[in-house]
Every structure is written in structure tokens, then in C-alpha cells.
């Protein structure tokens, strides 16, 4: 199964959505425990389900979104390839505290086990024996390191500007839905020049449950006053895909240049 990188998605997604909504063919061709196959006219993406504890099920087709009213976006790894920056920050800081016997974590471990998880979940995964406050202090310091590195390295995925223009021209509602901390989410959106684009930013930490639970996406729908039947989600992680599907929406699952190797 070929993996579709983020820049390929955003370069073609506006055209693909228009074509999909004019056809009855299902957008989600197959959603199984082994992989996610999202098929449009020229779009396929794969995300390993090894990040999920249960098989994912999909009963939606993008064609049922007609009339399309809203698109809900994840931020990290979806609007920009921020994954390498997060990986670098985690690798350096985990090595400093002696995680994994002082050996640096691999990129594969980060992608398959860590990417997309909320910081509370990461605390339990990485530091099950640590006091929670100590573990969260580590996460806060790691996010601060990410914010120091991002201004020099973060760039939007190719085609993002065209997609945003396409969405604005059609008057579609849009929200950013993320597990990232508020400061990091706001920094990325500002750096991408999207401060005035999103009508709403939903943080996992401000919901009863973060992704992979559906709460953040359900909250976005509620605030936008849009039914789930008239919206879809754009995500890059298995955790986020699971949240979008659990919220009852079709999900366009993409992979960054880093993620597509795994």
C-alpha cells in the first residue's frame, strides 16, 4: 500500500473532494485493523494500526458529506511536518534523563509508539514509575524545547495555501483540533499564517477526554453548529484517525515525509 505524503495530499485534496462529492463511490474503501485505505480519485494513505489498541471501523463515505459544510484539521504533522522536531526534542531530553538505558530512542519507536498521543498518555508510557508532576514537568520542558526549535525549522506542507483558499472560497467552516498544548498549537498556527483562517481551536486538554477519544472532534462540531454528516477530518496519526472515526466522520489520513517510512 503506497503512503501519500502531506504535500501530495494538500496539492490535490481540493480537486479530489470536489470529484468525490459528485460521485457515489465510497471514499473509505477499507478500514481494517491492519491499515487504513482511503481512496479518492487519486488519493491513498496508510497509517499503521500498531498505535491503536483496537481495530478501527469505518461506516462513512465522504460522498455522504454532501453538502459539505466543514473540515476539521489536526495541526502537528498535518498542516506542517513538525514530527522531526518533536522527535529530536524527545530523543535529546529522554537521553539526558537516562531513558532506555541512556540509549537514544529510534525514529521508528517515536512514530509507532508516541506520535499523536496526549502528554498525559506519554507520561504513562515513558515514565510509569515517575511521580505524575515530575513527568509533566518533563513534558512541559520538552514542549518549550520544541517551541525554541520550531521558528527555524517549521514550514507548511506544500499546497496548504491552495487548500485554504479553496475552503475560504466555498465558505466552509473550519476548526483546528489538537492534542498539543495551547502554547505550541498557537505558535504553529501563527507561524503558518493561519490565525485568521480557523474559526475555532479545540485542545484535547480542554475536553473531558483527548484523542483517541472523539470528544475534541465532537466539541468542534458543537461549536461550529455542524452535523457530523456534513464534515470530515484531516489527520496524520492513528490516535487522531481513531478519534475522527469515533466521532462519526470520514477521515482523510495522511502521512508526513517522516511517517511514510513506517
C-alpha atoms as a PDB file:
ATOM      1  CA  UNK A   1       0.000   0.000   0.000  1.00  0.00           C
ATOM      2  CA  UNK A   2       1.604   3.303  -1.039  1.00  0.00           C
ATOM      3  CA  UNK A   3       1.808   6.068   1.501  1.00  0.00           C
ATOM      4  CA  UNK A   4       0.735   9.538   0.492  1.00  0.00           C
ATOM      5  CA  UNK A   5       2.877  12.330   1.906  1.00  0.00           C
ATOM      6  CA  UNK A   6       1.264  15.500   3.240  1.00  0.00           C
ATOM      7  CA  UNK A   7       2.425  17.695   0.384  1.00  0.00           C
ATOM      8  CA  UNK A   8       0.805  15.351  -2.126  1.00  0.00           C
ATOM      9  CA  UNK A   9      -2.465  15.438  -0.225  1.00  0.00           C
ATOM     10  CA  UNK A  10      -2.740  19.195   0.018  1.00  0.00           C
ATOM     11  CA  UNK A  11      -1.737  19.666  -3.597  1.00  0.00           C
ATOM     12  CA  UNK A  12      -4.665  17.568  -4.784  1.00  0.00           C
ATOM     13  CA  UNK A  13      -7.222  17.339  -1.992  1.00  0.00           C
ATOM     14  CA  UNK A  14      -9.393  20.278  -3.097  1.00  0.00           C
ATOM     15  CA  UNK A  15      -9.806  18.782  -6.547  1.00  0.00           C
ATOM     16  CA  UNK A  16     -10.359  15.316  -5.140  1.00  0.00           C
ATOM     17  CA  UNK A  17     -13.035  16.465  -2.670  1.00  0.00           C
ATOM     18  CA  UNK A  18     -14.977  18.166  -5.453  1.00  0.00           C
ATOM     19  CA  UNK A  19     -14.856  14.985  -7.545  1.00  0.00           C
ATOM     20  CA  UNK A  20     -15.694  12.691  -4.647  1.00  0.00           C
ATOM     21  CA  UNK A  21     -18.761  14.685  -3.665  1.00  0.00           C
ATOM     22  CA  UNK A  22     -20.074  14.363  -7.199  1.00  0.00           C
ATOM     23  CA  UNK A  23     -19.766  10.556  -7.198  1.00  0.00           C
ATOM     24  CA  UNK A  24     -21.348   7.848  -5.120  1.00  0.00           C
ATOM     25  CA  UNK A  25     -18.196   5.734  -4.828  1.00  0.00           C
ATOM     26  CA  UNK A  26     -17.192   5.291  -1.181  1.00  0.00           C
ATOM     27  CA  UNK A  27     -14.267   7.388  -0.056  1.00  0.00           C
ATOM     28  CA  UNK A  28     -13.275   4.971   2.651  1.00  0.00           C
ATOM     29  CA  UNK A  29     -12.712   1.807   0.685  1.00  0.00           C
ATOM     30  CA  UNK A  30     -11.439  -0.288   3.537  1.00  0.00           C
ATOM     31  CA  UNK A  31     -10.900   0.447   7.211  1.00  0.00           C
ATOM     32  CA  UNK A  32      -9.447  -2.572   8.970  1.00  0.00           C
ATOM     33  CA  UNK A  33      -7.205  -3.349  11.881  1.00  0.00           C
ATOM     34  CA  UNK A  34      -4.150  -3.699   9.662  1.00  0.00           C
ATOM     35  CA  UNK A  35      -4.219  -0.456   7.743  1.00  0.00           C
ATOM     36  CA  UNK A  36      -6.347   2.436   6.663  1.00  0.00           C
ATOM     37  CA  UNK A  37      -7.030   2.697   2.981  1.00  0.00           C
ATOM     38  CA  UNK A  38      -8.577   5.977   1.996  1.00  0.00           C
ATOM     39  CA  UNK A  39      -9.386   6.101  -1.684  1.00  0.00           C
ATOM     40  CA  UNK A  40     -10.378   9.176  -3.643  1.00  0.00           C
ATOM     41  CA  UNK A  41      -9.799   9.857  -7.316  1.00  0.00           C
ATOM     42  CA  UNK A  42      -6.038  10.000  -6.782  1.00  0.00           C
ATOM     43  CA  UNK A  43      -5.569   9.774  -3.039  1.00  0.00           C
ATOM     44  CA  UNK A  44      -4.429   6.847  -0.919  1.00  0.00           C
ATOM     45  CA  UNK A  45      -2.902   6.957   2.519  1.00  0.00           C
ATOM     46  CA  UNK A  46      -1.681   4.392   5.007  1.00  0.00           C
ATOM     47  CA  UNK A  47      -1.280   4.607   8.761  1.00  0.00           C
ATOM     48  CA  UNK A  48      -0.176   1.571  10.717  1.00  0.00           C
ATOM     49  CA  UNK A  49      -2.683   0.499  13.339  1.00  0.00           C
ATOM     50  CA  UNK A  50       0.089  -0.528  15.701  1.00  0.00           C
ATOM     51  CA  UNK A  51      -0.604   2.715  17.581  1.00  0.00           C
ATOM     52  CA  UNK A  52      -4.168   1.621  18.258  1.00  0.00           C
ATOM     53  CA  UNK A  53      -5.332  -0.908  20.799  1.00  0.00           C
ATOM     54  CA  UNK A  54      -8.441  -1.908  18.854  1.00  0.00           C
ATOM     55  CA  UNK A  55      -9.308  -2.428  15.187  1.00  0.00           C
ATOM     56  CA  UNK A  56     -10.732   0.672  13.571  1.00  0.00           C
ATOM     57  CA  UNK A  57     -14.094   0.533  11.875  1.00  0.00           C
ATOM     58  CA  UNK A  58     -15.402   2.942   9.267  1.00  0.00           C
ATOM     59  CA  UNK A  59     -19.017   3.141   8.136  1.00  0.00           C
ATOM     60  CA  UNK A  60     -18.755   6.542   6.490  1.00  0.00           C
ATOM     61  CA  UNK A  61     -18.199   7.552   2.899  1.00  0.00           C
ATOM     62  CA  UNK A  62     -17.042  11.035   2.032  1.00  0.00           C
ATOM     63  CA  UNK A  63     -19.829  11.267  -0.507  1.00  0.00           C
ATOM     64  CA  UNK A  64     -22.374  11.394   2.323  1.00  0.00           C
ATOM     65  CA  UNK A  65     -20.878  14.721   3.433  1.00  0.00           C
ATOM     66  CA  UNK A  66     -22.714  16.427   0.577  1.00  0.00           C
ATOM     67  CA  UNK A  67     -23.459  19.211   1.224  1.00  0.00           C
ATOM     68  CA  UNK A  68     -20.046  19.647   2.804  1.00  0.00           C
ATOM     69  CA  UNK A  69     -20.119  22.328   5.498  1.00  0.00           C
ATOM     70  CA  UNK A  70     -16.904  21.969   7.490  1.00  0.00           C
ATOM     71  CA  UNK A  71     -13.393  20.477   7.514  1.00  0.00           C
ATOM     72  CA  UNK A  72     -11.664  19.732  10.811  1.00  0.00           C
ATOM     73  CA  UNK A  73      -7.867  19.659  10.860  1.00  0.00           C
ATOM     74  CA  UNK A  74      -5.295  18.223  13.179  1.00  0.00           C
ATOM     75  CA  UNK A  75      -2.236  20.505  13.494  1.00  0.00           C
ATOM     76  CA  UNK A  76       1.038  18.670  14.213  1.00  0.00           C
ATOM     77  CA  UNK A  77       2.148  16.569  11.266  1.00  0.00           C
ATOM     78  CA  UNK A  78      -0.921  17.527   9.244  1.00  0.00           C
ATOM     79  CA  UNK A  79      -0.574  21.224   8.449  1.00  0.00           C
ATOM     80  CA  UNK A  80       3.209  21.040   8.766  1.00  0.00           C
ATOM     81  CA  UNK A  81       5.799  18.307   9.126  1.00  0.00           C
ATOM     82  CA  UNK A  82       6.598  19.018  12.749  1.00  0.00           C
ATOM     83  CA  UNK A  83       7.258  15.367  13.543  1.00  0.00           C
ATOM     84  CA  UNK A  84      11.068  15.568  13.085  1.00  0.00           C
ATOM     85  CA  UNK A  85      11.258  18.485  15.525  1.00  0.00           C
ATOM     86  CA  UNK A  86       9.238  16.657  18.172  1.00  0.00           C
ATOM     87  CA  UNK A  87      11.332  13.532  17.643  1.00  0.00           C
ATOM     88  CA  UNK A  88      14.601  15.441  18.050  1.00  0.00           C
ATOM     89  CA  UNK A  89      13.407  17.158  21.230  1.00  0.00           C
ATOM     90  CA  UNK A  90      12.215  13.903  22.785  1.00  0.00           C
ATOM     91  CA  UNK A  91      15.336  11.995  21.730  1.00  0.00           C
ATOM     92  CA  UNK A  92      17.700  14.520  23.280  1.00  0.00           C
ATOM     93  CA  UNK A  93      15.779  15.032  26.506  1.00  0.00           C
ATOM     94  CA  UNK A  94      14.986  11.360  27.100  1.00  0.00           C
ATOM     95  CA  UNK A  95      18.644  10.504  26.681  1.00  0.00           C
ATOM     96  CA  UNK A  96      19.537  13.141  29.263  1.00  0.00           C
ATOM     97  CA  UNK A  97      17.296  11.546  31.901  1.00  0.00           C
ATOM     98  CA  UNK A  98      18.595   8.049  31.141  1.00  0.00           C
ATOM     99  CA  UNK A  99      15.506   6.663  29.438  1.00  0.00           C
ATOM    100  CA  UNK A 100      16.125   3.336  27.643  1.00  0.00           C
ATOM    101  CA  UNK A 101      19.394   2.908  29.494  1.00  0.00           C
ATOM    102  CA  UNK A 102      20.657   6.185  28.088  1.00  0.00           C
ATOM    103  CA  UNK A 103      20.321   4.969  24.507  1.00  0.00           C
ATOM    104  CA  UNK A 104      18.543   7.402  22.147  1.00  0.00           C
ATOM    105  CA  UNK A 105      15.055   6.376  21.081  1.00  0.00           C
ATOM    106  CA  UNK A 106      14.687   5.468  17.427  1.00  0.00           C
ATOM    107  CA  UNK A 107      12.591   7.355  14.933  1.00  0.00           C
ATOM    108  CA  UNK A 108      10.531   4.196  14.424  1.00  0.00           C
ATOM    109  CA  UNK A 109       9.759   3.953  18.140  1.00  0.00           C
ATOM    110  CA  UNK A 110       8.666   7.576  18.179  1.00  0.00           C
ATOM    111  CA  UNK A 111       6.389   7.227  15.137  1.00  0.00           C
ATOM    112  CA  UNK A 112       4.797   3.939  16.165  1.00  0.00           C
ATOM    113  CA  UNK A 113       4.501   4.421  19.922  1.00  0.00           C
ATOM    114  CA  UNK A 114       4.485   8.134  20.704  1.00  0.00           C
ATOM    115  CA  UNK A 115       3.296  10.284  17.816  1.00  0.00           C
ATOM    116  CA  UNK A 116      -0.154  11.796  18.289  1.00  0.00           C
ATOM    117  CA  UNK A 117      -0.541  10.874  21.953  1.00  0.00           C
ATOM    118  CA  UNK A 118      -1.594  13.436  24.543  1.00  0.00           C
ATOM    119  CA  UNK A 119       1.067  14.382  27.083  1.00  0.00           C
ATOM    120  CA  UNK A 120      -0.837  12.616  29.872  1.00  0.00           C
ATOM    121  CA  UNK A 121      -0.621   9.371  27.892  1.00  0.00           C
ATOM    122  CA  UNK A 122       3.040   9.945  27.121  1.00  0.00           C
ATOM    123  CA  UNK A 123       3.752  10.329  30.829  1.00  0.00           C
ATOM    124  CA  UNK A 124       2.257   6.902  31.482  1.00  0.00           C
ATOM    125  CA  UNK A 125       4.056   5.356  28.517  1.00  0.00           C
ATOM    126  CA  UNK A 126       7.513   6.768  29.185  1.00  0.00           C
ATOM    127  CA  UNK A 127       7.600   7.221  32.930  1.00  0.00           C
ATOM    128  CA  UNK A 128       5.217   4.751  34.597  1.00  0.00           C
ATOM    129  CA  UNK A 129       7.299   4.855  37.800  1.00  0.00           C
ATOM    130  CA  UNK A 130       7.649   8.635  37.973  1.00  0.00           C
ATOM    131  CA  UNK A 131       5.515  10.969  40.016  1.00  0.00           C
ATOM    132  CA  UNK A 132       2.963  12.498  37.644  1.00  0.00           C
ATOM    133  CA  UNK A 133       4.018  16.081  38.372  1.00  0.00           C
ATOM    134  CA  UNK A 134       7.628  15.229  37.620  1.00  0.00           C
ATOM    135  CA  UNK A 135       6.649  13.548  34.371  1.00  0.00           C
ATOM    136  CA  UNK A 136       4.504  16.509  33.312  1.00  0.00           C
ATOM    137  CA  UNK A 137       7.382  18.873  34.096  1.00  0.00           C
ATOM    138  CA  UNK A 138       9.469  16.864  31.635  1.00  0.00           C
ATOM    139  CA  UNK A 139       6.710  17.219  29.013  1.00  0.00           C
ATOM    140  CA  UNK A 140       6.479  20.957  29.606  1.00  0.00           C
ATOM    141  CA  UNK A 141      10.247  21.309  29.186  1.00  0.00           C
ATOM    142  CA  UNK A 142      10.147  19.235  26.016  1.00  0.00           C
ATOM    143  CA  UNK A 143       7.391  21.456  24.564  1.00  0.00           C
ATOM    144  CA  UNK A 144       9.464  24.521  25.427  1.00  0.00           C
ATOM    145  CA  UNK A 145      12.375  22.998  23.509  1.00  0.00           C
ATOM    146  CA  UNK A 146      10.061  22.353  20.553  1.00  0.00           C
ATOM    147  CA  UNK A 147       8.952  25.988  20.570  1.00  0.00           C
ATOM    148  CA  UNK A 148      12.579  27.133  20.565  1.00  0.00           C
ATOM    149  CA  UNK A 149      13.401  24.966  17.553  1.00  0.00           C
ATOM    150  CA  UNK A 150      10.225  25.498  15.538  1.00  0.00           C
ATOM    151  CA  UNK A 151      10.816  29.074  14.304  1.00  0.00           C
ATOM    152  CA  UNK A 152      13.909  27.970  12.366  1.00  0.00           C
ATOM    153  CA  UNK A 153      12.635  24.647  11.047  1.00  0.00           C
ATOM    154  CA  UNK A 154       8.854  24.613  10.745  1.00  0.00           C
ATOM    155  CA  UNK A 155       7.297  25.038   7.308  1.00  0.00           C
ATOM    156  CA  UNK A 156       3.770  24.453   5.962  1.00  0.00           C
ATOM    157  CA  UNK A 157       3.201  21.414   3.785  1.00  0.00           C
ATOM    158  CA  UNK A 158       3.163  22.147   0.079  1.00  0.00           C
ATOM    159  CA  UNK A 159      -0.279  23.070  -1.190  1.00  0.00           C
ATOM    160  CA  UNK A 160      -1.641  24.234   2.167  1.00  0.00           C
ATOM    161  CA  UNK A 161      -2.186  27.778   0.899  1.00  0.00           C
ATOM    162  CA  UNK A 162      -4.150  26.499  -2.099  1.00  0.00           C
ATOM    163  CA  UNK A 163      -6.330  24.303   0.071  1.00  0.00           C
ATOM    164  CA  UNK A 164      -7.050  27.144   2.494  1.00  0.00           C
ATOM    165  CA  UNK A 165      -8.031  29.380  -0.409  1.00  0.00           C
ATOM    166  CA  UNK A 166     -10.296  26.649  -1.800  1.00  0.00           C
ATOM    167  CA  UNK A 167     -12.005  26.294   1.590  1.00  0.00           C
ATOM    168  CA  UNK A 168     -12.460  30.054   2.029  1.00  0.00           C
ATOM    169  CA  UNK A 169     -13.877  30.498  -1.467  1.00  0.00           C
ATOM    170  CA  UNK A 170     -16.579  27.948  -0.681  1.00  0.00           C
ATOM    171  CA  UNK A 171     -17.400  29.420   2.706  1.00  0.00           C
ATOM    172  CA  UNK A 172     -16.684  26.167   4.544  1.00  0.00           C
ATOM    173  CA  UNK A 173     -16.343  26.228   8.302  1.00  0.00           C
ATOM    174  CA  UNK A 174     -13.044  25.046   9.747  1.00  0.00           C
ATOM    175  CA  UNK A 175     -11.516  24.183  13.092  1.00  0.00           C
ATOM    176  CA  UNK A 176      -8.142  23.017  14.347  1.00  0.00           C
ATOM    177  CA  UNK A 177      -8.398  20.072  16.726  1.00  0.00           C
ATOM    178  CA  UNK A 178      -5.223  19.040  18.523  1.00  0.00           C
ATOM    179  CA  UNK A 179      -3.688  17.190  21.442  1.00  0.00           C
ATOM    180  CA  UNK A 180      -0.842  19.716  21.517  1.00  0.00           C
ATOM    181  CA  UNK A 181      -0.502  22.144  24.443  1.00  0.00           C
ATOM    182  CA  UNK A 182      -2.053  25.565  23.879  1.00  0.00           C
ATOM    183  CA  UNK A 183       1.255  27.438  23.533  1.00  0.00           C
ATOM    184  CA  UNK A 184       2.593  25.030  20.918  1.00  0.00           C
ATOM    185  CA  UNK A 185      -0.672  24.925  18.958  1.00  0.00           C
ATOM    186  CA  UNK A 186      -0.916  28.712  18.857  1.00  0.00           C
ATOM    187  CA  UNK A 187       2.729  29.043  17.810  1.00  0.00           C
ATOM    188  CA  UNK A 188       2.313  26.642  14.880  1.00  0.00           C
ATOM    189  CA  UNK A 189      -0.884  28.283  13.668  1.00  0.00           C
ATOM    190  CA  UNK A 190       0.718  31.716  13.896  1.00  0.00           C
ATOM    191  CA  UNK A 191       3.862  30.599  12.056  1.00  0.00           C
ATOM    192  CA  UNK A 192       1.722  29.113   9.284  1.00  0.00           C
ATOM    193  CA  UNK A 193      -0.193  32.378   8.926  1.00  0.00           C
ATOM    194  CA  UNK A 194      -3.498  30.751   9.865  1.00  0.00           C
ATOM    195  CA  UNK A 195      -4.525  32.973  12.782  1.00  0.00           C
ATOM    196  CA  UNK A 196      -7.498  34.310  10.831  1.00  0.00           C
ATOM    197  CA  UNK A 197      -8.251  31.079   8.990  1.00  0.00           C
ATOM    198  CA  UNK A 198      -9.521  28.866  11.781  1.00  0.00           C
ATOM    199  CA  UNK A 199     -12.776  29.791  13.443  1.00  0.00           C
ATOM    200  CA  UNK A 200     -12.029  27.592  16.410  1.00  0.00           C
ATOM    201  CA  UNK A 201      -9.134  25.787  18.081  1.00  0.00           C
ATOM    202  CA  UNK A 202     -10.065  22.787  20.218  1.00  0.00           C
ATOM    203  CA  UNK A 203      -7.441  21.493  22.658  1.00  0.00           C
ATOM    204  CA  UNK A 204      -7.537  17.945  23.931  1.00  0.00           C
ATOM    205  CA  UNK A 205      -6.587  19.197  27.381  1.00  0.00           C
ATOM    206  CA  UNK A 206      -9.769  21.280  27.497  1.00  0.00           C
ATOM    207  CA  UNK A 207     -12.012  18.288  26.826  1.00  0.00           C
ATOM    208  CA  UNK A 208     -13.082  15.528  29.186  1.00  0.00           C
ATOM    209  CA  UNK A 209     -11.000  13.134  27.099  1.00  0.00           C
ATOM    210  CA  UNK A 210      -8.331  13.871  24.475  1.00  0.00           C
ATOM    211  CA  UNK A 211      -7.745  11.945  21.260  1.00  0.00           C
ATOM    212  CA  UNK A 212      -8.042   8.997  20.569  1.00  0.00           C
ATOM    213  CA  UNK A 213     -11.450   9.609  22.133  1.00  0.00           C
ATOM    214  CA  UNK A 214     -13.942  11.525  19.983  1.00  0.00           C
ATOM    215  CA  UNK A 215     -14.547  14.347  22.482  1.00  0.00           C
ATOM    216  CA  UNK A 216     -12.358  17.028  20.790  1.00  0.00           C
ATOM    217  CA  UNK A 217     -13.975  16.492  17.390  1.00  0.00           C
ATOM    218  CA  UNK A 218     -17.463  16.375  18.865  1.00  0.00           C
ATOM    219  CA  UNK A 219     -16.741  19.657  20.655  1.00  0.00           C
ATOM    220  CA  UNK A 220     -15.636  21.245  17.367  1.00  0.00           C
ATOM    221  CA  UNK A 221     -18.847  20.153  15.650  1.00  0.00           C
ATOM    222  CA  UNK A 222     -20.923  21.531  18.509  1.00  0.00           C
ATOM    223  CA  UNK A 223     -19.254  24.948  18.417  1.00  0.00           C
ATOM    224  CA  UNK A 224     -19.387  25.167  14.630  1.00  0.00           C
ATOM    225  CA  UNK A 225     -23.045  24.072  14.697  1.00  0.00           C
ATOM    226  CA  UNK A 226     -22.377  21.460  12.028  1.00  0.00           C
ATOM    227  CA  UNK A 227     -23.731  17.910  11.937  1.00  0.00           C
ATOM    228  CA  UNK A 228     -21.170  15.121  11.654  1.00  0.00           C
ATOM    229  CA  UNK A 229     -22.816  14.061   8.394  1.00  0.00           C
ATOM    230  CA  UNK A 230     -21.603  17.281   6.750  1.00  0.00           C
ATOM    231  CA  UNK A 231     -17.966  17.357   7.850  1.00  0.00           C
ATOM    232  CA  UNK A 232     -14.782  15.368   7.564  1.00  0.00           C
ATOM    233  CA  UNK A 233     -11.447  15.191   9.360  1.00  0.00           C
ATOM    234  CA  UNK A 234      -7.840  15.512   8.156  1.00  0.00           C
ATOM    235  CA  UNK A 235      -5.359  13.659  10.379  1.00  0.00           C
ATOM    236  CA  UNK A 236      -1.853  12.198  10.400  1.00  0.00           C
ATOM    237  CA  UNK A 237      -1.737   9.875  13.428  1.00  0.00           C
ATOM    238  CA  UNK A 238      -3.578   6.680  14.261  1.00  0.00           C
ATOM    239  CA  UNK A 239      -4.724   8.281  17.511  1.00  0.00           C
ATOM    240  CA  UNK A 240      -6.279  11.172  15.612  1.00  0.00           C
ATOM    241  CA  UNK A 241      -7.808   8.937  12.945  1.00  0.00           C
ATOM    242  CA  UNK A 242      -9.403   6.828  15.652  1.00  0.00           C
ATOM    243  CA  UNK A 243     -10.862   9.968  17.261  1.00  0.00           C
ATOM    244  CA  UNK A 244     -12.343  11.218  13.989  1.00  0.00           C
ATOM    245  CA  UNK A 245     -13.912   7.869  13.155  1.00  0.00           C
ATOM    246  CA  UNK A 246     -15.272   7.525  16.692  1.00  0.00           C
ATOM    247  CA  UNK A 247     -16.888  10.948  16.232  1.00  0.00           C
ATOM    248  CA  UNK A 248     -18.737   9.536  13.234  1.00  0.00           C
ATOM    249  CA  UNK A 249     -16.909  11.331  10.415  1.00  0.00           C
ATOM    250  CA  UNK A 250     -14.877  10.224   7.406  1.00  0.00           C
ATOM    251  CA  UNK A 251     -11.153  10.804   7.891  1.00  0.00           C
ATOM    252  CA  UNK A 252      -8.524  11.757   5.335  1.00  0.00           C
ATOM    253  CA  UNK A 253      -5.444  10.074   6.790  1.00  0.00           C
ATOM    254  CA  UNK A 254      -2.136  11.428   5.540  1.00  0.00           C
ATOM    255  CA  UNK A 255       1.493  10.703   6.320  1.00  0.00           C
ATOM    256  CA  UNK A 256       4.350  13.171   6.556  1.00  0.00           C
ATOM    257  CA  UNK A 257       7.667  12.559   4.857  1.00  0.00           C
ATOM    258  CA  UNK A 258       8.919  11.077   8.123  1.00  0.00           C
ATOM    259  CA  UNK A 259       5.879   8.926   8.868  1.00  0.00           C
ATOM    260  CA  UNK A 260       5.606   7.353   5.432  1.00  0.00           C
ATOM    261  CA  UNK A 261       8.792   5.378   6.118  1.00  0.00           C
ATOM    262  CA  UNK A 262       6.953   3.411   8.791  1.00  0.00           C
END
